[in-house]
Structures are given as structure tokens and as C-alpha cells.
Amino acid sequence: MDREETQTIWTYEEAQMSKDQALFLLTTNQGQLDQSIQDADAMNVDQEFRLTLLELSFSDSEI
């Protein structure tokens, strides 16, 4: 029988990181995630704005 590989989840002690190192890693990744979310939100707002202009028969040059 084939065995499925299980993914091991390490705690910061098992990965030999200090608590401060683990928190720094988490906050660094959180900052990147926050920036990605802000970028996606900005693109969505821009797209909705452009669609609204099209629905109202306006173009970017008329504004």
C-alpha cells in the first residue's frame, strides 16, 4: 500500500528558533500579506470605477 506523506508542523522550539525570531518571521510575512491585500483592494476599486464610467457613458478623458 502507498502511504500518504504527512506534513510536519514545527513549533518555534522544534525549529530551534527563539520566540523573538519566530515572532519577527510572522510579522514580516504579515506585512507582505497586508500589502498584497491593499494592492488587490486598490485594483478592485479602480476596476469598479472604470465599469461605472462605462455604464454612465463616460470615458477617462472626459473627467
PDB file of N, CA and C in Angstrom:
ATOM      1  N   MET A   1       0.825  -1.189   0.000  1.00  0.00           N
ATOM      2  CA  MET A   1       0.000   0.000   0.000  1.00  0.00           C
ATOM      3  C   MET A   1       0.869   1.253   0.000  1.00  0.00           C
ATOM      4  N   ASP A   2       0.399   2.243  -0.716  1.00  0.00           N
ATOM      5  CA  ASP A   2       1.107   3.522  -0.730  1.00  0.00           C
ATOM      6  C   ASP A   2       0.698   4.338   0.489  1.00  0.00           C
ATOM      7  N   ARG A   3       1.694   4.901   1.126  1.00  0.00           N
ATOM      8  CA  ARG A   3       1.413   5.756   2.280  1.00  0.00           C
ATOM      9  C   ARG A   3       1.419   7.206   1.836  1.00  0.00           C
ATOM     10  N   GLU A   4       0.466   7.945   2.327  1.00  0.00           N
ATOM     11  CA  GLU A   4       0.449   9.374   2.049  1.00  0.00           C
ATOM     12  C   GLU A   4       1.473  10.055   2.945  1.00  0.00           C
ATOM     13  N   GLU A   5       2.179  11.014   2.373  1.00  0.00           N
ATOM     14  CA  GLU A   5       3.153  11.747   3.163  1.00  0.00           C
ATOM     15  C   GLU A   5       2.423  12.740   4.054  1.00  0.00           C
ATOM     16  N   THR A   6       2.825  12.801   5.282  1.00  0.00           N
ATOM     17  CA  THR A   6       2.232  13.766   6.193  1.00  0.00           C
ATOM     18  C   THR A   6       3.166  14.959   6.332  1.00  0.00           C
ATOM     19  N   GLN A   7       2.565  16.114   6.454  1.00  0.00           N
ATOM     20  CA  GLN A   7       3.353  17.332   6.601  1.00  0.00           C
ATOM     21  C   GLN A   7       3.561  17.604   8.083  1.00  0.00           C
ATOM     22  N   THR A   8       4.800  17.799   8.447  1.00  0.00           N
ATOM     23  CA  THR A   8       5.135  18.071   9.837  1.00  0.00           C
ATOM     24  C   THR A   8       5.035  19.563  10.093  1.00  0.00           C
ATOM     25  N   ILE A   9       4.352  19.918  11.144  1.00  0.00           N
ATOM     26  CA  ILE A   9       4.252  21.313  11.552  1.00  0.00           C
ATOM     27  C   ILE A   9       5.170  21.499  12.755  1.00  0.00           C
ATOM     28  N   TRP A  10       6.130  22.397  12.606  1.00  0.00           N
ATOM     29  CA  TRP A  10       7.125  22.613  13.642  1.00  0.00           C
ATOM     30  C   TRP A  10       6.738  23.805  14.502  1.00  0.00           C
ATOM     31  N   THR A  11       6.973  23.692  15.775  1.00  0.00           N
ATOM     32  CA  THR A  11       6.852  24.851  16.652  1.00  0.00           C
ATOM     33  C   THR A  11       8.188  25.572  16.651  1.00  0.00           C
ATOM     34  N   TYR A  12       8.223  26.781  17.199  1.00  0.00           N
ATOM     35  CA  TYR A  12       9.493  27.515  17.152  1.00  0.00           C
ATOM     36  C   TYR A  12      10.573  26.828  17.974  1.00  0.00           C
ATOM     37  N   GLU A  13      10.197  26.059  19.009  1.00  0.00           N
ATOM     38  CA  GLU A  13      11.220  25.323  19.758  1.00  0.00           C
ATOM     39  C   GLU A  13      11.795  24.202  18.914  1.00  0.00           C
ATOM     40  N   GLU A  14      10.937  23.486  18.225  1.00  0.00           N
ATOM     41  CA  GLU A  14      11.398  22.361  17.413  1.00  0.00           C
ATOM     42  C   GLU A  14      12.240  22.841  16.227  1.00  0.00           C
ATOM     43  N   ALA A  15      11.953  23.996  15.716  1.00  0.00           N
ATOM     44  CA  ALA A  15      12.727  24.535  14.598  1.00  0.00           C
ATOM     45  C   ALA A  15      13.967  25.267  15.082  1.00  0.00           C
ATOM     46  N   GLN A  16      14.200  25.246  16.371  1.00  0.00           N
ATOM     47  CA  GLN A  16      15.348  25.869  17.016  1.00  0.00           C
ATOM     48  C   GLN A  16      15.391  27.380  16.797  1.00  0.00           C
ATOM     49  N   MET A  17      14.218  27.987  16.828  1.00  0.00           N
ATOM     50  CA  MET A  17      14.116  29.443  16.757  1.00  0.00           C
ATOM     51  C   MET A  17      13.753  29.953  18.135  1.00  0.00           C
ATOM     52  N   SER A  18      14.209  31.128  18.418  1.00  0.00           N
ATOM     53  CA  SER A  18      13.774  31.736  19.664  1.00  0.00           C
ATOM     54  C   SER A  18      12.375  32.307  19.440  1.00  0.00           C
ATOM     55  N   LYS A  19      11.709  32.621  20.504  1.00  0.00           N
ATOM     56  CA  LYS A  19      10.365  33.199  20.394  1.00  0.00           C
ATOM     57  C   LYS A  19      10.427  34.519  19.618  1.00  0.00           C
ATOM     58  N   ASP A  20      11.446  35.320  19.880  1.00  0.00           N
ATOM     59  CA  ASP A  20      11.588  36.591  19.179  1.00  0.00           C
ATOM     60  C   ASP A  20      11.793  36.381  17.673  1.00  0.00           C
ATOM     61  N   GLN A  21      12.591  35.396  17.304  1.00  0.00           N
ATOM     62  CA  GLN A  21      12.822  35.111  15.886  1.00  0.00           C
ATOM     63  C   GLN A  21      11.528  34.660  15.212  1.00  0.00           C
ATOM     64  N   ALA A  22      10.767  33.822  15.888  1.00  0.00           N
ATOM     65  CA  ALA A  22       9.512  33.336  15.327  1.00  0.00           C
ATOM     66  C   ALA A  22       8.517  34.475  15.161  1.00  0.00           C
ATOM     67  N   LEU A  23       8.411  35.347  16.151  1.00  0.00           N
ATOM     68  CA  LEU A  23       7.503  36.490  16.055  1.00  0.00           C
ATOM     69  C   LEU A  23       7.934  37.440  14.945  1.00  0.00           C
ATOM     70  N   PHE A  24       9.249  37.652  14.792  1.00  0.00           N
ATOM     71  CA  PHE A  24       9.745  38.508  13.718  1.00  0.00           C
ATOM     72  C   PHE A  24       9.369  37.924  12.360  1.00  0.00           C
ATOM     73  N   LEU A  25       9.525  36.620  12.200  1.00  0.00           N
ATOM     74  CA  LEU A  25       9.181  35.959  10.942  1.00  0.00           C
ATOM     75  C   LEU A  25       7.690  36.106  10.655  1.00  0.00           C
ATOM     76  N   LEU A  26       6.864  35.907  11.659  1.00  0.00           N
ATOM     77  CA  LEU A  26       5.418  36.040  11.476  1.00  0.00           C
ATOM     78  C   LEU A  26       5.016  37.467  11.114  1.00  0.00           C
ATOM     79  N   THR A  27       5.596  38.455  11.782  1.00  0.00           N
ATOM     80  CA  THR A  27       5.232  39.842  11.494  1.00  0.00           C
ATOM     81  C   THR A  27       5.748  40.278  10.127  1.00  0.00           C
ATOM     82  N   THR A  28       6.889  39.771   9.714  1.00  0.00           N
ATOM     83  CA  THR A  28       7.407  40.091   8.377  1.00  0.00           C
ATOM     84  C   THR A  28       6.458  39.571   7.311  1.00  0.00           C
ATOM     85  N   ASN A  29       6.030  38.340   7.454  1.00  0.00           N
ATOM     86  CA  ASN A  29       5.101  37.759   6.484  1.00  0.00           C
ATOM     87  C   ASN A  29       3.747  38.450   6.535  1.00  0.00           C
ATOM     88  N   GLN A  30       3.316  38.892   7.702  1.00  0.00           N
ATOM     89  CA  GLN A  30       2.032  39.585   7.831  1.00  0.00           C
ATOM     90  C   GLN A  30       2.073  40.906   7.081  1.00  0.00           C
ATOM     91  N   GLY A  31       3.207  41.600   7.131  1.00  0.00           N
ATOM     92  CA  GLY A  31       3.340  42.860   6.416  1.00  0.00           C
ATOM     93  C   GLY A  31       3.225  42.671   4.915  1.00  0.00           C
ATOM     94  N   GLN A  32       3.815  41.604   4.394  1.00  0.00           N
ATOM     95  CA  GLN A  32       3.718  41.307   2.969  1.00  0.00           C
ATOM     96  C   GLN A  32       2.285  40.966   2.582  1.00  0.00           C
ATOM     97  N   LEU A  33       1.599  40.233   3.454  1.00  0.00           N
ATOM     98  CA  LEU A  33       0.207  39.884   3.193  1.00  0.00           C
ATOM     99  C   LEU A  33      -0.665  41.124   3.193  1.00  0.00           C
ATOM    100  N   ASP A  34      -0.455  42.015   4.161  1.00  0.00           N
ATOM    101  CA  ASP A  34      -1.236  43.249   4.226  1.00  0.00           C
ATOM    102  C   ASP A  34      -1.043  44.084   2.969  1.00  0.00           C
ATOM    103  N   GLN A  35       0.180  44.174   2.473  1.00  0.00           N
ATOM    104  CA  GLN A  35       0.451  44.938   1.257  1.00  0.00           C
ATOM    105  C   GLN A  35      -0.243  44.309   0.056  1.00  0.00           C
ATOM    106  N   SER A  36      -0.247  43.000  -0.024  1.00  0.00           N
ATOM    107  CA  SER A  36      -0.918  42.302  -1.126  1.00  0.00           C
ATOM    108  C   SER A  36      -2.421  42.563  -1.102  1.00  0.00           C
ATOM    109  N   ILE A  37      -2.997  42.554   0.081  1.00  0.00           N
ATOM    110  CA  ILE A  37      -4.438  42.815   0.221  1.00  0.00           C
ATOM    111  C   ILE A  37      -4.754  44.251  -0.186  1.00  0.00           C
ATOM    112  N   GLN A  38      -3.919  45.204   0.231  1.00  0.00           N
ATOM    113  CA  GLN A  38      -4.137  46.598  -0.151  1.00  0.00           C
ATOM    114  C   GLN A  38      -4.038  46.776  -1.659  1.00  0.00           C
ATOM    115  N   ASP A  39      -3.087  46.114  -2.295  1.00  0.00           N
ATOM    116  CA  ASP A  39      -2.936  46.190  -3.749  1.00  0.00           C
ATOM    117  C   ASP A  39      -4.166  45.629  -4.463  1.00  0.00           C
ATOM    118  N   ALA A  40      -4.649  44.497  -3.991  1.00  0.00           N
ATOM    119  CA  ALA A  40      -5.832  43.881  -4.599  1.00  0.00           C
ATOM    120  C   ALA A  40      -7.053  44.771  -4.420  1.00  0.00           C
ATOM    121  N   ASP A  41      -7.202  45.369  -3.229  1.00  0.00           N
ATOM    122  CA  ASP A  41      -8.317  46.278  -2.990  1.00  0.00           C
ATOM    123  C   ASP A  41      -8.259  47.486  -3.914  1.00  0.00           C
ATOM    124  N   ALA A  42      -7.075  48.040  -4.104  1.00  0.00           N
ATOM    125  CA  ALA A  42      -6.924  49.205  -4.985  1.00  0.00           C
ATOM    126  C   ALA A  42      -7.277  48.845  -6.425  1.00  0.00           C
ATOM    127  N   MET A  43      -6.866  47.671  -6.881  1.00  0.00           N
ATOM    128  CA  MET A  43      -7.210  47.254  -8.243  1.00  0.00           C
ATOM    129  C   MET A  43      -8.715  47.057  -8.392  1.00  0.00           C
ATOM    130  N   ASN A  44      -9.355  46.495  -7.366  1.00  0.00           N
ATOM    131  CA  ASN A  44     -10.806  46.292  -7.419  1.00  0.00           C
ATOM    132  C   ASN A  44     -11.552  47.621  -7.467  1.00  0.00           C
ATOM    133  N   VAL A  45     -11.111  48.587  -6.686  1.00  0.00           N
ATOM    134  CA  VAL A  45     -11.750  49.910  -6.690  1.00  0.00           C
ATOM    135  C   VAL A  45     -11.592  50.565  -8.058  1.00  0.00           C
ATOM    136  N   ASP A  46     -10.401  50.482  -8.625  1.00  0.00           N
ATOM    137  CA  ASP A  46     -10.153  51.058  -9.941  1.00  0.00           C
ATOM    138  C   ASP A  46     -11.031  50.396 -10.998  1.00  0.00           C
ATOM    139  N   GLN A  47     -11.147  49.086 -10.952  1.00  0.00           N
ATOM    140  CA  GLN A  47     -11.971  48.365 -11.922  1.00  0.00           C
ATOM    141  C   GLN A  47     -13.437  48.762 -11.786  1.00  0.00           C
ATOM    142  N   GLU A  48     -13.942  48.854 -10.567  1.00  0.00           N
ATOM    143  CA  GLU A  48     -15.334  49.255 -10.355  1.00  0.00           C
ATOM    144  C   GLU A  48     -15.571  50.681 -10.846  1.00  0.00           C
ATOM    145  N   PHE A  49     -14.603  51.563 -10.638  1.00  0.00           N
ATOM    146  CA  PHE A  49     -14.702  52.940 -11.108  1.00  0.00           C
ATOM    147  C   PHE A  49     -14.800  52.964 -12.638  1.00  0.00           C
ATOM    148  N   ARG A  50     -13.944  52.201 -13.291  1.00  0.00           N
ATOM    149  CA  ARG A  50     -13.961  52.171 -14.762  1.00  0.00           C
ATOM    150  C   ARG A  50     -15.256  51.579 -15.299  1.00  0.00           C
ATOM    151  N   LEU A  51     -15.773  50.543 -14.655  1.00  0.00           N
ATOM    152  CA  LEU A  51     -17.038  49.959 -15.087  1.00  0.00           C
ATOM    153  C   LEU A  51     -18.190  50.941 -14.898  1.00  0.00           C
ATOM    154  N   THR A  52     -18.172  51.688 -13.812  1.00  0.00           N
ATOM    155  CA  THR A  52     -19.208  52.690 -13.568  1.00  0.00           C
ATOM    156  C   THR A  52     -19.159  53.773 -14.634  1.00  0.00           C
ATOM    157  N   LEU A  53     -17.950  54.206 -14.991  1.00  0.00           N
ATOM    158  CA  LEU A  53     -17.825  55.206 -16.058  1.00  0.00           C
ATOM    159  C   LEU A  53     -18.386  54.683 -17.377  1.00  0.00           C
ATOM    160  N   LEU A  54     -18.105  53.429 -17.687  1.00  0.00           N
ATOM    161  CA  LEU A  54     -18.647  52.850 -18.918  1.00  0.00           C
ATOM    162  C   LEU A  54     -20.169  52.767 -18.885  1.00  0.00           C
ATOM    163  N   GLU A  55     -20.726  52.402 -17.747  1.00  0.00           N
ATOM    164  CA  GLU A  55     -22.179  52.309 -17.617  1.00  0.00           C
ATOM    165  C   GLU A  55     -22.835  53.671 -17.770  1.00  0.00           C
ATOM    166  N   LEU A  56     -22.129  54.723 -17.363  1.00  0.00           N
ATOM    167  CA  LEU A  56     -22.665  56.079 -17.470  1.00  0.00           C
ATOM    168  C   LEU A  56     -22.248  56.770 -18.787  1.00  0.00           C
ATOM    169  N   SER A  57     -21.624  56.023 -19.660  1.00  0.00           N
ATOM    170  CA  SER A  57     -21.174  56.511 -20.966  1.00  0.00           C
ATOM    171  C   SER A  57     -20.139  57.617 -20.859  1.00  0.00           C
ATOM    172  N   PHE A  58     -19.266  57.520 -19.894  1.00  0.00           N
ATOM    173  CA  PHE A  58     -18.148  58.461 -19.756  1.00  0.00           C
ATOM    174  C   PHE A  58     -16.857  57.739 -20.141  1.00  0.00           C
ATOM    175  N   SER A  59     -15.865  58.510 -20.462  1.00  0.00           N
ATOM    176  CA  SER A  59     -14.535  57.920 -20.669  1.00  0.00           C
ATOM    177  C   SER A  59     -13.566  58.605 -19.731  1.00  0.00           C
ATOM    178  N   ASP A  60     -12.384  58.045 -19.599  1.00  0.00           N
ATOM    179  CA  ASP A  60     -11.382  58.635 -18.707  1.00  0.00           C
ATOM    180  C   ASP A  60     -10.992  60.048 -19.158  1.00  0.00           C
ATOM    181  N   SER A  61     -11.025  60.290 -20.443  1.00  0.00           N
ATOM    182  CA  SER A  61     -10.594  61.596 -20.949  1.00  0.00           C
ATOM    183  C   SER A  61     -11.630  62.691 -20.693  1.00  0.00           C
ATOM    184  N   GLU A  62     -12.873  62.327 -20.424  1.00  0.00           N
ATOM    185  CA  GLU A  62     -13.933  63.323 -20.184  1.00  0.00           C
ATOM    186  C   GLU A  62     -13.963  63.832 -18.749  1.00  0.00           C
ATOM    187  N   ILE A  63     -13.228  63.196 -17.890  1.00  0.00           N
ATOM    188  CA  ILE A  63     -13.281  63.582 -16.468  1.00  0.00           C
ATOM    189  C   ILE A  63     -12.270  64.635 -16.144  1.00  0.00           C
TER     190      ILE A  63
END
